[in-house]
């Protein structure tokens, strides 16, 4: 009798354990709910000014470097022209200091030197003749002294004209002046580069390939610097966001492949986990108990394959097959 009662008690305990396990066990879901989101690039001017033109509309496909919108650039063009003239004048002055004299001046200096050398040679010949004639009384001592003075004067003139010719052929101006003018020319070129940049900023181009998602300003509006005009969606900025219960967080890792499915989408869509939130996305004001922990969820972000990005639209609900359902491994 005692054994029978013990057996019944054992069966009751076993059934109770099975019942408790059944009530406390939660099946691991094979799908999770998420949605398509996007990191939009909001493009605006770098300078305040009047918006004068738009080159795109919503839904347009654009490539990197394509014109998006323009601002009034009258002041920038005038400033750029002024800077260009100043840079040109500075460069011309530097070239004048560094370069030789004009060709006509060089030819004139060479001609003057040739005449002076001819005069010197005649003076030398006259001096030699008189020096030979004076001892025998064929020439006076005064004539000889005058010839010697004429030769010395002609020699000095030749030396002066030779120096003048060398000066004409050499860069003119002092070294300090050349250095100072070179610095002025460099500053003028830098000012021109700044004006070119400011002018280019009045004509904004797409930083990347993508779709024009929205237009937030129109011609005629005066905008502050940084005010968004166009919202651009590059292909690589489409992501899938889903929320994973705290108990399943340890099953998901960066790089895990996940399956994606949505209404009207072709089969075989995939993505990989590239971000897991370090903190709970939703934490109700409850004591951390076994029951409240089940209410904690963490945001997980997956990025679809590059070739499948165009099949997904921001805001679209997506059913996500987690890594334990796809068993596709990890991209890392």
C-alpha atoms as a PDB file:
ATOM      1  CA  UNK A   1       0.000   0.000   0.000  1.00  0.00           C
ATOM      2  CA  UNK A   2       2.825   2.342   0.902  1.00  0.00           C
ATOM      3  CA  UNK A   3       4.588   1.590  -2.349  1.00  0.00           C
ATOM      4  CA  UNK A   4       1.442   2.348  -4.301  1.00  0.00           C
ATOM      5  CA  UNK A   5       1.053   5.694  -2.581  1.00  0.00           C
ATOM      6  CA  UNK A   6       4.679   6.503  -3.239  1.00  0.00           C
ATOM      7  CA  UNK A   7       4.246   5.681  -6.935  1.00  0.00           C
ATOM      8  CA  UNK A   8       1.174   7.888  -7.207  1.00  0.00           C
ATOM      9  CA  UNK A   9       3.024  10.713  -5.500  1.00  0.00           C
ATOM     10  CA  UNK A  10       5.907  10.302  -7.925  1.00  0.00           C
ATOM     11  CA  UNK A  11       3.606  10.437 -10.927  1.00  0.00           C
ATOM     12  CA  UNK A  12       1.940  13.555  -9.541  1.00  0.00           C
ATOM     13  CA  UNK A  13       5.315  15.228  -9.027  1.00  0.00           C
ATOM     14  CA  UNK A  14       6.393  14.273 -12.543  1.00  0.00           C
ATOM     15  CA  UNK A  15       3.202  15.670 -14.048  1.00  0.00           C
ATOM     16  CA  UNK A  16       3.622  18.833 -12.012  1.00  0.00           C
ATOM     17  CA  UNK A  17       7.184  19.239 -13.256  1.00  0.00           C
ATOM     18  CA  UNK A  18       6.106  18.694 -16.847  1.00  0.00           C
ATOM     19  CA  UNK A  19       3.272  21.194 -16.411  1.00  0.00           C
ATOM     20  CA  UNK A  20       5.628  23.776 -14.883  1.00  0.00           C
ATOM     21  CA  UNK A  21       8.132  23.277 -17.675  1.00  0.00           C
ATOM     22  CA  UNK A  22       5.421  23.593 -20.281  1.00  0.00           C
ATOM     23  CA  UNK A  23       4.097  26.807 -18.779  1.00  0.00           C
ATOM     24  CA  UNK A  24       7.514  28.363 -18.307  1.00  0.00           C
ATOM     25  CA  UNK A  25       9.021  27.341 -21.653  1.00  0.00           C
ATOM     26  CA  UNK A  26       8.780  29.787 -24.493  1.00  0.00           C
ATOM     27  CA  UNK A  27       9.471  28.572 -27.970  1.00  0.00           C
ATOM     28  CA  UNK A  28      12.263  30.420 -29.730  1.00  0.00           C
ATOM     29  CA  UNK A  29      10.580  32.286 -32.595  1.00  0.00           C
ATOM     30  CA  UNK A  30      11.742  31.455 -36.083  1.00  0.00           C
ATOM     31  CA  UNK A  31      10.849  34.927 -37.405  1.00  0.00           C
ATOM     32  CA  UNK A  32      11.089  38.462 -36.074  1.00  0.00           C
ATOM     33  CA  UNK A  33       9.339  41.607 -37.211  1.00  0.00           C
ATOM     34  CA  UNK A  34      11.300  44.567 -38.512  1.00  0.00           C
ATOM     35  CA  UNK A  35      11.034  47.426 -40.948  1.00  0.00           C
ATOM     36  CA  UNK A  36      13.069  49.113 -43.650  1.00  0.00           C
ATOM     37  CA  UNK A  37      14.766  52.320 -42.575  1.00  0.00           C
ATOM     38  CA  UNK A  38      17.245  54.661 -44.228  1.00  0.00           C
ATOM     39  CA  UNK A  39      20.006  57.068 -43.298  1.00  0.00           C
ATOM     40  CA  UNK A  40      19.211  60.041 -45.525  1.00  0.00           C
ATOM     41  CA  UNK A  41      21.874  62.535 -46.554  1.00  0.00           C
ATOM     42  CA  UNK A  42      20.480  66.039 -46.128  1.00  0.00           C
ATOM     43  CA  UNK A  43      22.292  68.386 -48.492  1.00  0.00           C
ATOM     44  CA  UNK A  44      22.346  72.133 -47.960  1.00  0.00           C
ATOM     45  CA  UNK A  45      24.479  75.162 -48.832  1.00  0.00           C
ATOM     46  CA  UNK A  46      27.675  75.972 -46.988  1.00  0.00           C
ATOM     47  CA  UNK A  47      26.908  79.700 -47.230  1.00  0.00           C
ATOM     48  CA  UNK A  48      23.799  81.768 -46.640  1.00  0.00           C
ATOM     49  CA  UNK A  49      22.146  83.099 -49.770  1.00  0.00           C
ATOM     50  CA  UNK A  50      19.243  83.136 -52.211  1.00  0.00           C
ATOM     51  CA  UNK A  51      18.236  79.824 -53.793  1.00  0.00           C
ATOM     52  CA  UNK A  52      17.959  80.507 -57.527  1.00  0.00           C
ATOM     53  CA  UNK A  53      17.547  77.120 -59.185  1.00  0.00           C
ATOM     54  CA  UNK A  54      16.860  73.402 -58.747  1.00  0.00           C
ATOM     55  CA  UNK A  55      18.120  70.809 -61.208  1.00  0.00           C
ATOM     56  CA  UNK A  56      16.363  67.713 -59.791  1.00  0.00           C
ATOM     57  CA  UNK A  57      12.940  66.595 -58.595  1.00  0.00           C
ATOM     58  CA  UNK A  58      11.695  63.975 -56.158  1.00  0.00           C
ATOM     59  CA  UNK A  59      12.403  60.461 -57.337  1.00  0.00           C
ATOM     60  CA  UNK A  60      15.223  61.418 -59.704  1.00  0.00           C
ATOM     61  CA  UNK A  61      18.237  59.143 -59.878  1.00  0.00           C
ATOM     62  CA  UNK A  62      21.451  61.171 -59.609  1.00  0.00           C
ATOM     63  CA  UNK A  63      25.114  60.311 -59.891  1.00  0.00           C
ATOM     64  CA  UNK A  64      27.979  61.670 -57.845  1.00  0.00           C
ATOM     65  CA  UNK A  65      28.964  65.142 -59.050  1.00  0.00           C
ATOM     66  CA  UNK A  66      25.626  65.878 -60.741  1.00  0.00           C
ATOM     67  CA  UNK A  67      24.274  69.423 -60.265  1.00  0.00           C
ATOM     68  CA  UNK A  68      21.546  69.685 -57.619  1.00  0.00           C
ATOM     69  CA  UNK A  69      20.816  73.360 -56.969  1.00  0.00           C
ATOM     70  CA  UNK A  70      22.237  76.880 -57.346  1.00  0.00           C
ATOM     71  CA  UNK A  71      22.448  80.000 -55.214  1.00  0.00           C
ATOM     72  CA  UNK A  72      22.867  83.601 -56.315  1.00  0.00           C
ATOM     73  CA  UNK A  73      26.571  84.034 -57.138  1.00  0.00           C
ATOM     74  CA  UNK A  74      26.882  87.654 -58.341  1.00  0.00           C
ATOM     75  CA  UNK A  75      28.990  88.758 -55.373  1.00  0.00           C
ATOM     76  CA  UNK A  76      31.188  85.665 -55.539  1.00  0.00           C
ATOM     77  CA  UNK A  77      31.844  86.118 -59.262  1.00  0.00           C
ATOM     78  CA  UNK A  78      32.862  89.743 -58.755  1.00  0.00           C
ATOM     79  CA  UNK A  79      35.136  88.823 -55.857  1.00  0.00           C
ATOM     80  CA  UNK A  80      36.660  86.013 -57.897  1.00  0.00           C
ATOM     81  CA  UNK A  81      37.369  88.335 -60.853  1.00  0.00           C
ATOM     82  CA  UNK A  82      39.020  90.858 -58.541  1.00  0.00           C
ATOM     83  CA  UNK A  83      41.176  88.154 -56.957  1.00  0.00           C
ATOM     84  CA  UNK A  84      42.162  86.880 -60.412  1.00  0.00           C
ATOM     85  CA  UNK A  85      43.303  90.346 -61.514  1.00  0.00           C
ATOM     86  CA  UNK A  86      45.312  90.818 -58.327  1.00  0.00           C
ATOM     87  CA  UNK A  87      46.966  87.425 -58.764  1.00  0.00           C
ATOM     88  CA  UNK A  88      47.827  88.239 -62.379  1.00  0.00           C
ATOM     89  CA  UNK A  89      49.341  91.619 -61.456  1.00  0.00           C
ATOM     90  CA  UNK A  90      51.385  90.102 -58.626  1.00  0.00           C
ATOM     91  CA  UNK A  91      52.729  87.430 -60.961  1.00  0.00           C
ATOM     92  CA  UNK A  92      53.644  90.063 -63.573  1.00  0.00           C
ATOM     93  CA  UNK A  93      55.540  92.163 -61.040  1.00  0.00           C
ATOM     94  CA  UNK A  94      57.431  89.113 -59.826  1.00  0.00           C
ATOM     95  CA  UNK A  95      58.364  88.192 -63.393  1.00  0.00           C
ATOM     96  CA  UNK A  96      59.671  91.720 -63.987  1.00  0.00           C
ATOM     97  CA  UNK A  97      61.889  91.468 -60.932  1.00  0.00           C
ATOM     98  CA  UNK A  98      63.148  87.993 -61.773  1.00  0.00           C
ATOM     99  CA  UNK A  99      63.538  88.373 -65.523  1.00  0.00           C
ATOM    100  CA  UNK A 100      66.195  90.236 -67.535  1.00  0.00           C
ATOM    101  CA  UNK A 101      65.677  93.631 -69.155  1.00  0.00           C
ATOM    102  CA  UNK A 102      63.881  93.935 -72.455  1.00  0.00           C
ATOM    103  CA  UNK A 103      65.673  92.589 -75.516  1.00  0.00           C
ATOM    104  CA  UNK A 104      65.987  96.029 -77.110  1.00  0.00           C
ATOM    105  CA  UNK A 105      67.709  97.344 -73.998  1.00  0.00           C
ATOM    106  CA  UNK A 106      70.145  94.427 -74.067  1.00  0.00           C
ATOM    107  CA  UNK A 107      70.968  95.061 -77.748  1.00  0.00           C
ATOM    108  CA  UNK A 108      71.509  98.754 -77.071  1.00  0.00           C
ATOM    109  CA  UNK A 109      73.837  98.012 -74.157  1.00  0.00           C
ATOM    110  CA  UNK A 110      75.811  95.560 -76.297  1.00  0.00           C
ATOM    111  CA  UNK A 111      76.119  98.145 -79.090  1.00  0.00           C
ATOM    112  CA  UNK A 112      77.355 100.808 -76.673  1.00  0.00           C
ATOM    113  CA  UNK A 113      79.951  98.388 -75.316  1.00  0.00           C
ATOM    114  CA  UNK A 114      81.188  97.569 -78.826  1.00  0.00           C
ATOM    115  CA  UNK A 115      81.603 101.278 -79.641  1.00  0.00           C
ATOM    116  CA  UNK A 116      83.464 101.858 -76.390  1.00  0.00           C
ATOM    117  CA  UNK A 117      85.800  98.919 -77.063  1.00  0.00           C
ATOM    118  CA  UNK A 118      86.567 100.307 -80.532  1.00  0.00           C
ATOM    119  CA  UNK A 119      87.328 103.720 -79.053  1.00  0.00           C
ATOM    120  CA  UNK A 120      89.565 102.122 -76.411  1.00  0.00           C
ATOM    121  CA  UNK A 121      91.451 100.150 -79.049  1.00  0.00           C
ATOM    122  CA  UNK A 122      92.105 103.329 -81.069  1.00  0.00           C
ATOM    123  CA  UNK A 123      93.232 105.116 -77.917  1.00  0.00           C
ATOM    124  CA  UNK A 124      95.616 102.262 -77.097  1.00  0.00           C
ATOM    125  CA  UNK A 125      97.053 102.354 -80.636  1.00  0.00           C
ATOM    126  CA  UNK A 126      97.526 106.134 -80.474  1.00  0.00           C
ATOM    127  CA  UNK A 127      99.227 105.836 -77.081  1.00  0.00           C
ATOM    128  CA  UNK A 128     101.666 103.196 -78.321  1.00  0.00           C
ATOM    129  CA  UNK A 129     102.575 105.269 -81.401  1.00  0.00           C
ATOM    130  CA  UNK A 130     103.193 108.403 -79.346  1.00  0.00           C
ATOM    131  CA  UNK A 131     105.188 106.486 -76.724  1.00  0.00           C
ATOM    132  CA  UNK A 132     107.457 105.264 -79.526  1.00  0.00           C
ATOM    133  CA  UNK A 133     107.768 108.703 -81.163  1.00  0.00           C
ATOM    134  CA  UNK A 134     108.331 110.841 -78.041  1.00  0.00           C
ATOM    135  CA  UNK A 135     111.896 109.645 -77.214  1.00  0.00           C
ATOM    136  CA  UNK A 136     113.185 110.575 -80.666  1.00  0.00           C
ATOM    137  CA  UNK A 137     111.441 113.948 -80.670  1.00  0.00           C
ATOM    138  CA  UNK A 138     108.741 112.967 -83.166  1.00  0.00           C
ATOM    139  CA  UNK A 139     106.014 113.713 -80.617  1.00  0.00           C
ATOM    140  CA  UNK A 140     105.768 115.974 -77.624  1.00  0.00           C
ATOM    141  CA  UNK A 141     105.491 114.723 -74.100  1.00  0.00           C
ATOM    142  CA  UNK A 142     102.187 116.560 -73.735  1.00  0.00           C
ATOM    143  CA  UNK A 143     100.690 114.650 -76.692  1.00  0.00           C
ATOM    144  CA  UNK A 144     101.861 111.382 -75.160  1.00  0.00           C
ATOM    145  CA  UNK A 145     100.308 112.232 -71.775  1.00  0.00           C
ATOM    146  CA  UNK A 146      97.037 113.235 -73.436  1.00  0.00           C
ATOM    147  CA  UNK A 147      96.949 109.928 -75.342  1.00  0.00           C
ATOM    148  CA  UNK A 148      97.570 108.017 -72.118  1.00  0.00           C
ATOM    149  CA  UNK A 149      94.662 109.849 -70.408  1.00  0.00           C
ATOM    150  CA  UNK A 150      92.379 109.170 -73.380  1.00  0.00           C
ATOM    151  CA  UNK A 151      93.215 105.480 -73.256  1.00  0.00           C
ATOM    152  CA  UNK A 152      92.528 105.252 -69.537  1.00  0.00           C
ATOM    153  CA  UNK A 153      89.206 107.054 -70.000  1.00  0.00           C
ATOM    154  CA  UNK A 154      88.244 104.675 -72.816  1.00  0.00           C
ATOM    155  CA  UNK A 155      89.216 101.677 -70.655  1.00  0.00           C
ATOM    156  CA  UNK A 156      87.048 102.930 -67.804  1.00  0.00           C
ATOM    157  CA  UNK A 157      84.120 103.482 -70.160  1.00  0.00           C
ATOM    158  CA  UNK A 158      84.432  99.929 -71.472  1.00  0.00           C
ATOM    159  CA  UNK A 159      84.371  98.557 -67.921  1.00  0.00           C
ATOM    160  CA  UNK A 160      81.262 100.578 -67.094  1.00  0.00           C
ATOM    161  CA  UNK A 161      79.375  99.537 -70.226  1.00  0.00           C
ATOM    162  CA  UNK A 162      80.347  95.888 -69.730  1.00  0.00           C
ATOM    163  CA  UNK A 163      78.858  96.013 -66.219  1.00  0.00           C
ATOM    164  CA  UNK A 164      75.717  97.654 -67.611  1.00  0.00           C
ATOM    165  CA  UNK A 165      75.314  94.856 -70.157  1.00  0.00           C
ATOM    166  CA  UNK A 166      75.714  92.193 -67.478  1.00  0.00           C
ATOM    167  CA  UNK A 167      73.128  93.986 -65.368  1.00  0.00           C
ATOM    168  CA  UNK A 168      70.703  94.059 -68.284  1.00  0.00           C
ATOM    169  CA  UNK A 169      71.125  90.340 -68.854  1.00  0.00           C
ATOM    170  CA  UNK A 170      70.794  89.435 -65.158  1.00  0.00           C
ATOM    171  CA  UNK A 171      67.541  89.448 -63.132  1.00  0.00           C
ATOM    172  CA  UNK A 172      66.783  92.963 -62.042  1.00  0.00           C
ATOM    173  CA  UNK A 173      65.883  94.015 -58.539  1.00  0.00           C
ATOM    174  CA  UNK A 174      67.337  93.063 -55.210  1.00  0.00           C
ATOM    175  CA  UNK A 175      66.959  89.611 -53.691  1.00  0.00           C
ATOM    176  CA  UNK A 176      64.866  90.956 -50.812  1.00  0.00           C
ATOM    177  CA  UNK A 177      62.452  92.568 -53.248  1.00  0.00           C
ATOM    178  CA  UNK A 178      62.108  89.317 -55.170  1.00  0.00           C
ATOM    179  CA  UNK A 179      61.378  87.359 -51.993  1.00  0.00           C
ATOM    180  CA  UNK A 180      58.811  89.928 -50.860  1.00  0.00           C
ATOM    181  CA  UNK A 181      57.079  89.958 -54.235  1.00  0.00           C
ATOM    182  CA  UNK A 182      57.082  86.135 -54.354  1.00  0.00           C
ATOM    183  CA  UNK A 183      55.258  86.088 -51.012  1.00  0.00           C
ATOM    184  CA  UNK A 184      52.757  88.647 -52.301  1.00  0.00           C
ATOM    185  CA  UNK A 185      52.139  86.557 -55.426  1.00  0.00           C
ATOM    186  CA  UNK A 186      51.619  83.409 -53.336  1.00  0.00           C
ATOM    187  CA  UNK A 187      49.110  85.219 -51.123  1.00  0.00           C
ATOM    188  CA  UNK A 188      47.263  86.435 -54.211  1.00  0.00           C
ATOM    189  CA  UNK A 189      47.062  82.878 -55.564  1.00  0.00           C
ATOM    190  CA  UNK A 190      45.711  81.641 -52.221  1.00  0.00           C
ATOM    191  CA  UNK A 191      43.083  84.396 -52.214  1.00  0.00           C
ATOM    192  CA  UNK A 192      42.070  83.361 -55.735  1.00  0.00           C
ATOM    193  CA  UNK A 193      41.745  79.723 -54.633  1.00  0.00           C
ATOM    194  CA  UNK A 194      39.461  80.797 -51.781  1.00  0.00           C
ATOM    195  CA  UNK A 195      37.297  82.799 -54.184  1.00  0.00           C
ATOM    196  CA  UNK A 196      37.125  79.829 -56.570  1.00  0.00           C
ATOM    197  CA  UNK A 197      35.964  77.614 -53.696  1.00  0.00           C
ATOM    198  CA  UNK A 198      33.330  80.097 -52.535  1.00  0.00           C
ATOM    199  CA  UNK A 199      32.014  80.415 -56.065  1.00  0.00           C
ATOM    200  CA  UNK A 200      31.872  76.630 -56.472  1.00  0.00           C
ATOM    201  CA  UNK A 201      29.884  76.330 -53.236  1.00  0.00           C
ATOM    202  CA  UNK A 202      27.088  78.361 -54.821  1.00  0.00           C
ATOM    203  CA  UNK A 203      26.519  75.460 -57.226  1.00  0.00           C
ATOM    204  CA  UNK A 204      25.948  72.319 -55.151  1.00  0.00           C
ATOM    205  CA  UNK A 205      26.472  68.844 -56.619  1.00  0.00           C
ATOM    206  CA  UNK A 206      25.531  65.373 -55.387  1.00  0.00           C
ATOM    207  CA  UNK A 207      28.135  63.880 -53.040  1.00  0.00           C
ATOM    208  CA  UNK A 208      27.106  60.333 -53.970  1.00  0.00           C
ATOM    209  CA  UNK A 209      24.911  58.300 -56.281  1.00  0.00           C
ATOM    210  CA  UNK A 210      21.343  57.908 -55.069  1.00  0.00           C
ATOM    211  CA  UNK A 211      17.670  58.844 -55.283  1.00  0.00           C
ATOM    212  CA  UNK A 212      16.234  62.269 -54.498  1.00  0.00           C
ATOM    213  CA  UNK A 213      13.969  61.388 -51.571  1.00  0.00           C
ATOM    214  CA  UNK A 214      12.662  64.877 -50.815  1.00  0.00           C
ATOM    215  CA  UNK A 215      13.048  68.559 -51.643  1.00  0.00           C
ATOM    216  CA  UNK A 216      12.783  70.875 -48.664  1.00  0.00           C
ATOM    217  CA  UNK A 217      13.388  74.321 -50.191  1.00  0.00           C
ATOM    218  CA  UNK A 218      12.474  76.016 -53.451  1.00  0.00           C
ATOM    219  CA  UNK A 219      13.880  78.823 -55.621  1.00  0.00           C
ATOM    220  CA  UNK A 220      13.213  82.249 -54.176  1.00  0.00           C
ATOM    221  CA  UNK A 221      13.902  81.251 -50.585  1.00  0.00           C
ATOM    222  CA  UNK A 222      16.788  82.810 -48.682  1.00  0.00           C
ATOM    223  CA  UNK A 223      18.618  80.061 -46.818  1.00  0.00           C
ATOM    224  CA  UNK A 224      21.025  80.012 -43.926  1.00  0.00           C
ATOM    225  CA  UNK A 225      24.193  77.973 -44.201  1.00  0.00           C
ATOM    226  CA  UNK A 226      23.453  74.317 -43.553  1.00  0.00           C
ATOM    227  CA  UNK A 227      19.704  74.542 -44.211  1.00  0.00           C
ATOM    228  CA  UNK A 228      18.694  71.257 -45.929  1.00  0.00           C
ATOM    229  CA  UNK A 229      17.504  71.674 -49.498  1.00  0.00           C
ATOM    230  CA  UNK A 230      17.576  68.084 -50.766  1.00  0.00           C
ATOM    231  CA  UNK A 231      17.324  64.720 -49.035  1.00  0.00           C
ATOM    232  CA  UNK A 232      19.405  62.115 -50.860  1.00  0.00           C
ATOM    233  CA  UNK A 233      19.147  58.367 -50.324  1.00  0.00           C
ATOM    234  CA  UNK A 234      22.331  56.557 -51.439  1.00  0.00           C
ATOM    235  CA  UNK A 235      21.907  52.810 -52.092  1.00  0.00           C
ATOM    236  CA  UNK A 236      24.168  51.778 -49.241  1.00  0.00           C
ATOM    237  CA  UNK A 237      22.106  53.703 -46.696  1.00  0.00           C
ATOM    238  CA  UNK A 238      19.122  51.284 -46.689  1.00  0.00           C
ATOM    239  CA  UNK A 239      18.989  49.205 -43.487  1.00  0.00           C
ATOM    240  CA  UNK A 240      16.629  46.798 -41.724  1.00  0.00           C
ATOM    241  CA  UNK A 241      15.839  47.510 -38.073  1.00  0.00           C
ATOM    242  CA  UNK A 242      14.296  44.912 -35.784  1.00  0.00           C
ATOM    243  CA  UNK A 243      13.898  44.497 -32.041  1.00  0.00           C
ATOM    244  CA  UNK A 244      15.101  41.362 -30.322  1.00  0.00           C
ATOM    245  CA  UNK A 245      13.925  40.255 -26.847  1.00  0.00           C
ATOM    246  CA  UNK A 246      16.576  40.284 -24.161  1.00  0.00           C
ATOM    247  CA  UNK A 247      16.553  36.502 -23.872  1.00  0.00           C
ATOM    248  CA  UNK A 248      17.523  36.034 -27.531  1.00  0.00           C
ATOM    249  CA  UNK A 249      20.195  38.726 -27.703  1.00  0.00           C
ATOM    250  CA  UNK A 250      23.012  36.257 -27.054  1.00  0.00           C
ATOM    251  CA  UNK A 251      21.997  34.288 -30.173  1.00  0.00           C
ATOM    252  CA  UNK A 252      22.713  37.192 -32.540  1.00  0.00           C
ATOM    253  CA  UNK A 253      26.210  38.343 -33.459  1.00  0.00           C
ATOM    254  CA  UNK A 254      27.681  40.985 -35.719  1.00  0.00           C
ATOM    255  CA  UNK A 255      28.056  39.590 -39.209  1.00  0.00           C
ATOM    256  CA  UNK A 256      25.281  36.988 -38.877  1.00  0.00           C
ATOM    257  CA  UNK A 257      23.219  36.448 -41.997  1.00  0.00           C
ATOM    258  CA  UNK A 258      19.456  36.939 -41.720  1.00  0.00           C
ATOM    259  CA  UNK A 259      16.672  36.208 -44.169  1.00  0.00           C
ATOM    260  CA  UNK A 260      14.327  38.995 -45.293  1.00  0.00           C
ATOM    261  CA  UNK A 261      10.776  38.763 -46.592  1.00  0.00           C
ATOM    262  CA  UNK A 262       8.185  41.413 -47.392  1.00  0.00           C
ATOM    263  CA  UNK A 263       4.914  41.710 -49.292  1.00  0.00           C
ATOM    264  CA  UNK A 264       5.490  41.715 -53.026  1.00  0.00           C
ATOM    265  CA  UNK A 265       9.233  41.155 -52.674  1.00  0.00           C
ATOM    266  CA  UNK A 266      11.038  38.321 -54.453  1.00  0.00           C
ATOM    267  CA  UNK A 267      12.283  35.412 -52.407  1.00  0.00           C
ATOM    268  CA  UNK A 268      15.887  35.022 -51.385  1.00  0.00           C
ATOM    269  CA  UNK A 269      16.437  38.461 -49.870  1.00  0.00           C
ATOM    270  CA  UNK A 270      19.231  38.490 -47.304  1.00  0.00           C
ATOM    271  CA  UNK A 271      21.116  40.837 -45.062  1.00  0.00           C
ATOM    272  CA  UNK A 272      23.805  40.722 -42.415  1.00  0.00           C
ATOM    273  CA  UNK A 273      23.827  42.153 -38.909  1.00  0.00           C
ATOM    274  CA  UNK A 274      26.105  45.200 -38.732  1.00  0.00           C
ATOM    275  CA  UNK A 275      24.933  46.794 -35.470  1.00  0.00           C
ATOM    276  CA  UNK A 276      23.566  45.618 -32.127  1.00  0.00           C
ATOM    277  CA  UNK A 277      22.435  48.281 -29.676  1.00  0.00           C
ATOM    278  CA  UNK A 278      24.538  48.237 -26.495  1.00  0.00           C
ATOM    279  CA  UNK A 279      21.557  49.289 -24.376  1.00  0.00           C
ATOM    280  CA  UNK A 280      17.893  48.320 -24.200  1.00  0.00           C
ATOM    281  CA  UNK A 281      15.729  50.191 -26.671  1.00  0.00           C
ATOM    282  CA  UNK A 282      12.729  50.047 -24.318  1.00  0.00           C
ATOM    283  CA  UNK A 283      13.063  49.742 -20.566  1.00  0.00           C
ATOM    284  CA  UNK A 284       9.740  49.964 -18.683  1.00  0.00           C
ATOM    285  CA  UNK A 285       9.936  51.459 -15.177  1.00  0.00           C
ATOM    286  CA  UNK A 286       9.772  48.073 -13.473  1.00  0.00           C
ATOM    287  CA  UNK A 287      12.058  46.200 -11.132  1.00  0.00           C
ATOM    288  CA  UNK A 288      14.446  43.933 -12.999  1.00  0.00           C
ATOM    289  CA  UNK A 289      12.881  40.555 -12.348  1.00  0.00           C
ATOM    290  CA  UNK A 290      12.516  37.438 -14.475  1.00  0.00           C
ATOM    291  CA  UNK A 291       9.178  38.767 -15.674  1.00  0.00           C
ATOM    292  CA  UNK A 292      10.289  42.318 -16.476  1.00  0.00           C
ATOM    293  CA  UNK A 293      13.387  41.096 -18.331  1.00  0.00           C
ATOM    294  CA  UNK A 294      11.116  39.584 -20.949  1.00  0.00           C
ATOM    295  CA  UNK A 295       9.910  43.104 -21.784  1.00  0.00           C
ATOM    296  CA  UNK A 296      13.399  44.376 -22.613  1.00  0.00           C
ATOM    297  CA  UNK A 297      14.170  44.591 -26.324  1.00  0.00           C
ATOM    298  CA  UNK A 298      17.338  45.587 -28.147  1.00  0.00           C
ATOM    299  CA  UNK A 299      17.541  47.236 -31.539  1.00  0.00           C
ATOM    300  CA  UNK A 300      19.457  45.205 -34.119  1.00  0.00           C
ATOM    301  CA  UNK A 301      20.347  46.572 -37.540  1.00  0.00           C
ATOM    302  CA  UNK A 302      20.900  44.468 -40.646  1.00  0.00           C
ATOM    303  CA  UNK A 303      22.166  45.683 -43.982  1.00  0.00           C
ATOM    304  CA  UNK A 304      20.770  44.057 -47.150  1.00  0.00           C
ATOM    305  CA  UNK A 305      22.929  42.767 -49.958  1.00  0.00           C
ATOM    306  CA  UNK A 306      24.087  45.473 -52.351  1.00  0.00           C
ATOM    307  CA  UNK A 307      22.221  44.042 -55.319  1.00  0.00           C
ATOM    308  CA  UNK A 308      18.956  43.756 -53.356  1.00  0.00           C
ATOM    309  CA  UNK A 309      18.797  47.283 -51.955  1.00  0.00           C
ATOM    310  CA  UNK A 310      16.533  48.553 -54.734  1.00  0.00           C
ATOM    311  CA  UNK A 311      13.819  46.038 -53.783  1.00  0.00           C
ATOM    312  CA  UNK A 312      13.256  47.616 -50.366  1.00  0.00           C
ATOM    313  CA  UNK A 313      11.643  50.942 -49.497  1.00  0.00           C
ATOM    314  CA  UNK A 314      11.897  52.923 -46.241  1.00  0.00           C
ATOM    315  CA  UNK A 315       8.995  52.244 -43.892  1.00  0.00           C
ATOM    316  CA  UNK A 316       8.191  48.862 -45.424  1.00  0.00           C
ATOM    317  CA  UNK A 317       7.443  46.066 -42.896  1.00  0.00           C
ATOM    318  CA  UNK A 318       9.845  43.148 -43.128  1.00  0.00           C
ATOM    319  CA  UNK A 319       9.777  39.650 -41.693  1.00  0.00           C
ATOM    320  CA  UNK A 320      13.260  38.696 -40.560  1.00  0.00           C
ATOM    321  CA  UNK A 321      14.465  35.135 -40.260  1.00  0.00           C
ATOM    322  CA  UNK A 322      17.090  35.230 -37.473  1.00  0.00           C
ATOM    323  CA  UNK A 323      20.439  33.439 -37.693  1.00  0.00           C
ATOM    324  CA  UNK A 324      19.210  30.332 -35.880  1.00  0.00           C
ATOM    325  CA  UNK A 325      16.533  29.957 -38.573  1.00  0.00           C
ATOM    326  CA  UNK A 326      18.688  30.633 -41.648  1.00  0.00           C
ATOM    327  CA  UNK A 327      21.854  28.854 -40.465  1.00  0.00           C
ATOM    328  CA  UNK A 328      23.771  30.831 -43.082  1.00  0.00           C
ATOM    329  CA  UNK A 329      26.746  31.508 -40.851  1.00  0.00           C
ATOM    330  CA  UNK A 330      28.643  34.749 -40.476  1.00  0.00           C
ATOM    331  CA  UNK A 331      30.211  37.124 -43.000  1.00  0.00           C
ATOM    332  CA  UNK A 332      33.299  37.599 -40.829  1.00  0.00           C
END
